[in-house]
Amino acid sequence: MSFREKMAWISLLANLAIYGFYFAALAAALGRGGADAAHFTDLLIGSVVLLVVVTVVLSIIVAAWAPKEAQAAEDEREKRIALEASHAAYFVISAGAVMVIAALYFGISDFLAVNALFFVLVAGELTKNAAQIFQFRRGA
């Protein structure tokens, strides 16, 4: 497994775990009718900080395990994989942004709009990571 594939796995799993917890807590609070913006702002900030810490620590561990591979320049295949994955994420983010704009037009709250936009960004990142992993696994 290449260094960049390992990094894609780290990003995918960290995003799924941390933001999965955030959105599960948000959905539960919305279901109960008790979603407090101040509480979820704090939880969101904590989630972002935790994601950064987890990603940096795991990246350092992976880079220390294979320093030559970590310092190697991207080859053409890896550049193409990154480009195609970003292309897939672009469509997810674009479609999601249009849906959030439409929802704002129909009157959703600012709190829901902010969280919906954040969800769209996370979905785009997950799409990018999954597309990278798929391309690396298939040997493209």
Protein backbone atom coordinates (compact mmCIF):
# COMPACT_ATOMS: atom_id res chain seq x y z
CA MET A 1 0.00 0.00 0.00
CA SER A 2 1.47 3.35 -1.03
CA PHE A 3 1.95 6.26 1.34
CA ARG A 4 -0.76 8.32 -0.36
CA GLU A 5 -3.21 5.43 -0.16
CA LYS A 6 -2.48 5.12 3.56
CA MET A 7 -3.12 8.85 3.92
CA ALA A 8 -6.45 8.49 2.10
CA TRP A 9 -7.43 5.67 4.48
CA ILE A 10 -6.45 7.78 7.50
CA SER A 11 -8.51 10.70 6.25
CA LEU A 12 -11.51 8.52 5.35
CA LEU A 13 -11.63 6.66 8.66
CA ALA A 14 -10.94 9.73 10.80
CA ASN A 15 -13.63 11.74 9.01
CA LEU A 16 -16.13 8.89 9.28
CA ALA A 17 -15.50 8.35 12.97
CA ILE A 18 -15.29 11.94 14.18
CA TYR A 19 -17.84 13.61 11.96
CA GLY A 20 -20.04 10.51 12.10
CA PHE A 21 -20.26 11.07 15.85
CA TYR A 22 -20.98 14.77 15.36
CA PHE A 23 -23.77 14.23 12.84
CA ALA A 24 -25.26 11.34 14.84
CA ALA A 25 -25.41 13.59 17.92
CA LEU A 26 -26.93 16.37 15.82
CA ALA A 27 -29.55 14.05 14.32
CA ALA A 28 -30.47 12.73 17.77
CA ALA A 29 -30.82 16.27 19.14
CA LEU A 30 -32.91 17.36 16.16
CA GLY A 31 -35.11 14.30 16.63
CA ARG A 32 -35.69 15.28 20.26
CA GLY A 33 -36.26 18.89 19.28
CA GLY A 34 -33.41 20.09 21.47
CA ALA A 35 -30.61 21.10 19.10
CA ASP A 36 -28.85 23.99 20.84
CA ALA A 37 -26.69 26.05 18.47
CA ALA A 38 -24.18 27.01 21.17
CA HIS A 39 -23.66 23.39 22.22
CA PHE A 40 -23.23 22.20 18.65
CA THR A 41 -20.87 25.05 17.82
CA ASP A 42 -18.64 23.88 20.67
CA LEU A 43 -19.01 20.26 19.56
CA LEU A 44 -18.17 21.20 15.96
CA ILE A 45 -15.05 23.12 16.99
CA GLY A 46 -13.99 20.21 19.18
CA SER A 47 -14.59 17.78 16.31
CA VAL A 48 -12.47 19.83 13.90
CA VAL A 49 -9.63 20.12 16.44
CA LEU A 50 -9.82 16.38 17.16
CA LEU A 51 -9.74 15.56 13.44
CA VAL A 52 -6.65 17.72 12.95
CA VAL A 53 -4.86 16.12 15.92
CA VAL A 54 -5.75 12.55 14.90
CA THR A 55 -4.78 13.15 11.27
CA VAL A 56 -1.46 14.79 12.15
CA VAL A 57 -0.50 12.12 14.68
CA LEU A 58 -1.38 9.24 12.36
CA SER A 59 0.36 10.96 9.43
CA ILE A 60 3.53 11.33 11.49
CA ILE A 61 3.38 7.67 12.49
CA VAL A 62 2.92 6.52 8.89
CA ALA A 63 5.66 8.86 7.63
CA ALA A 64 8.05 7.67 10.35
CA TRP A 65 7.34 4.06 9.39
CA ALA A 66 8.42 4.65 5.76
CA PRO A 67 10.25 8.01 5.52
CA LYS A 68 11.55 7.51 1.97
CA GLU A 69 8.08 6.77 0.67
CA ALA A 70 6.64 9.77 2.52
CA GLN A 71 9.20 12.11 0.97
CA ALA A 72 8.83 10.76 -2.56
CA ALA A 73 7.29 13.08 -5.12
CA GLU A 74 3.89 12.23 -6.55
CA ASP A 75 4.15 10.18 -9.71
CA GLU A 76 1.85 10.68 -12.70
CA ARG A 77 -0.51 7.91 -11.57
CA GLU A 78 -0.95 9.47 -8.14
CA LYS A 79 -1.53 12.90 -9.67
CA ARG A 80 -4.21 11.46 -11.96
CA ILE A 81 -5.85 9.64 -9.06
CA ALA A 82 -5.92 12.84 -6.99
CA LEU A 83 -7.38 14.79 -9.91
CA GLU A 84 -10.12 12.23 -10.61
CA ALA A 85 -11.00 12.01 -6.91
CA SER A 86 -11.23 15.80 -6.66
CA HIS A 87 -13.46 15.78 -9.73
CA ALA A 88 -15.87 13.34 -8.04
CA ALA A 89 -15.87 15.42 -4.84
CA TYR A 90 -16.63 18.57 -6.85
CA PHE A 91 -19.92 17.11 -8.09
CA VAL A 92 -20.96 16.08 -4.58
CA ILE A 93 -20.18 19.51 -3.16
CA SER A 94 -21.82 21.36 -6.05
CA ALA A 95 -25.02 19.32 -5.88
CA GLY A 96 -25.12 19.62 -2.09
CA ALA A 97 -24.62 23.39 -2.19
CA VAL A 98 -27.48 23.76 -4.66
CA MET A 99 -29.73 21.68 -2.39
CA VAL A 100 -28.84 23.80 0.65
CA ILE A 101 -29.54 26.99 -1.32
CA ALA A 102 -32.92 25.57 -2.30
CA ALA A 103 -33.63 24.63 1.32
CA LEU A 104 -32.74 28.18 2.41
CA TYR A 105 -35.19 29.50 -0.16
CA PHE A 106 -37.89 27.37 1.45
CA GLY A 107 -37.04 28.69 4.91
CA ILE A 108 -34.78 26.33 6.85
CA SER A 109 -33.06 27.90 9.83
CA ASP A 110 -29.54 29.29 9.71
CA PHE A 111 -28.48 26.58 12.17
CA LEU A 112 -29.69 23.83 9.85
CA ALA A 113 -28.20 25.54 6.80
CA VAL A 114 -24.76 25.79 8.40
CA ASN A 115 -24.85 22.15 9.44
CA ALA A 116 -26.15 21.08 6.04
CA LEU A 117 -23.32 22.94 4.31
CA PHE A 118 -20.82 21.38 6.67
CA PHE A 119 -22.31 17.95 5.92
CA VAL A 120 -21.90 18.65 2.20
CA LEU A 121 -18.22 19.50 2.72
CA VAL A 122 -17.67 16.33 4.75
CA ALA A 123 -19.50 14.28 2.11
CA GLY A 124 -17.23 15.77 -0.55
CA GLU A 125 -14.11 14.89 1.45
CA LEU A 126 -15.37 11.35 2.04
CA THR A 127 -16.11 11.02 -1.67
CA LYS A 128 -12.60 12.20 -2.53
CA ASN A 129 -10.98 9.76 -0.10
CA ALA A 130 -13.15 6.85 -1.22
CA ALA A 131 -12.46 7.59 -4.88
CA GLN A 132 -8.72 7.71 -4.21
CA ILE A 133 -8.80 4.42 -2.35
CA PHE A 134 -10.90 2.83 -5.10
CA GLN A 135 -8.45 3.98 -7.76
CA PHE A 136 -5.42 2.79 -5.77
CA ARG A 137 -7.05 -0.59 -5.07
CA ARG A 138 -8.06 -1.19 -8.65
CA GLY A 139 -4.52 -0.45 -9.77
CA ALA A 140 -5.41 2.45 -12.02
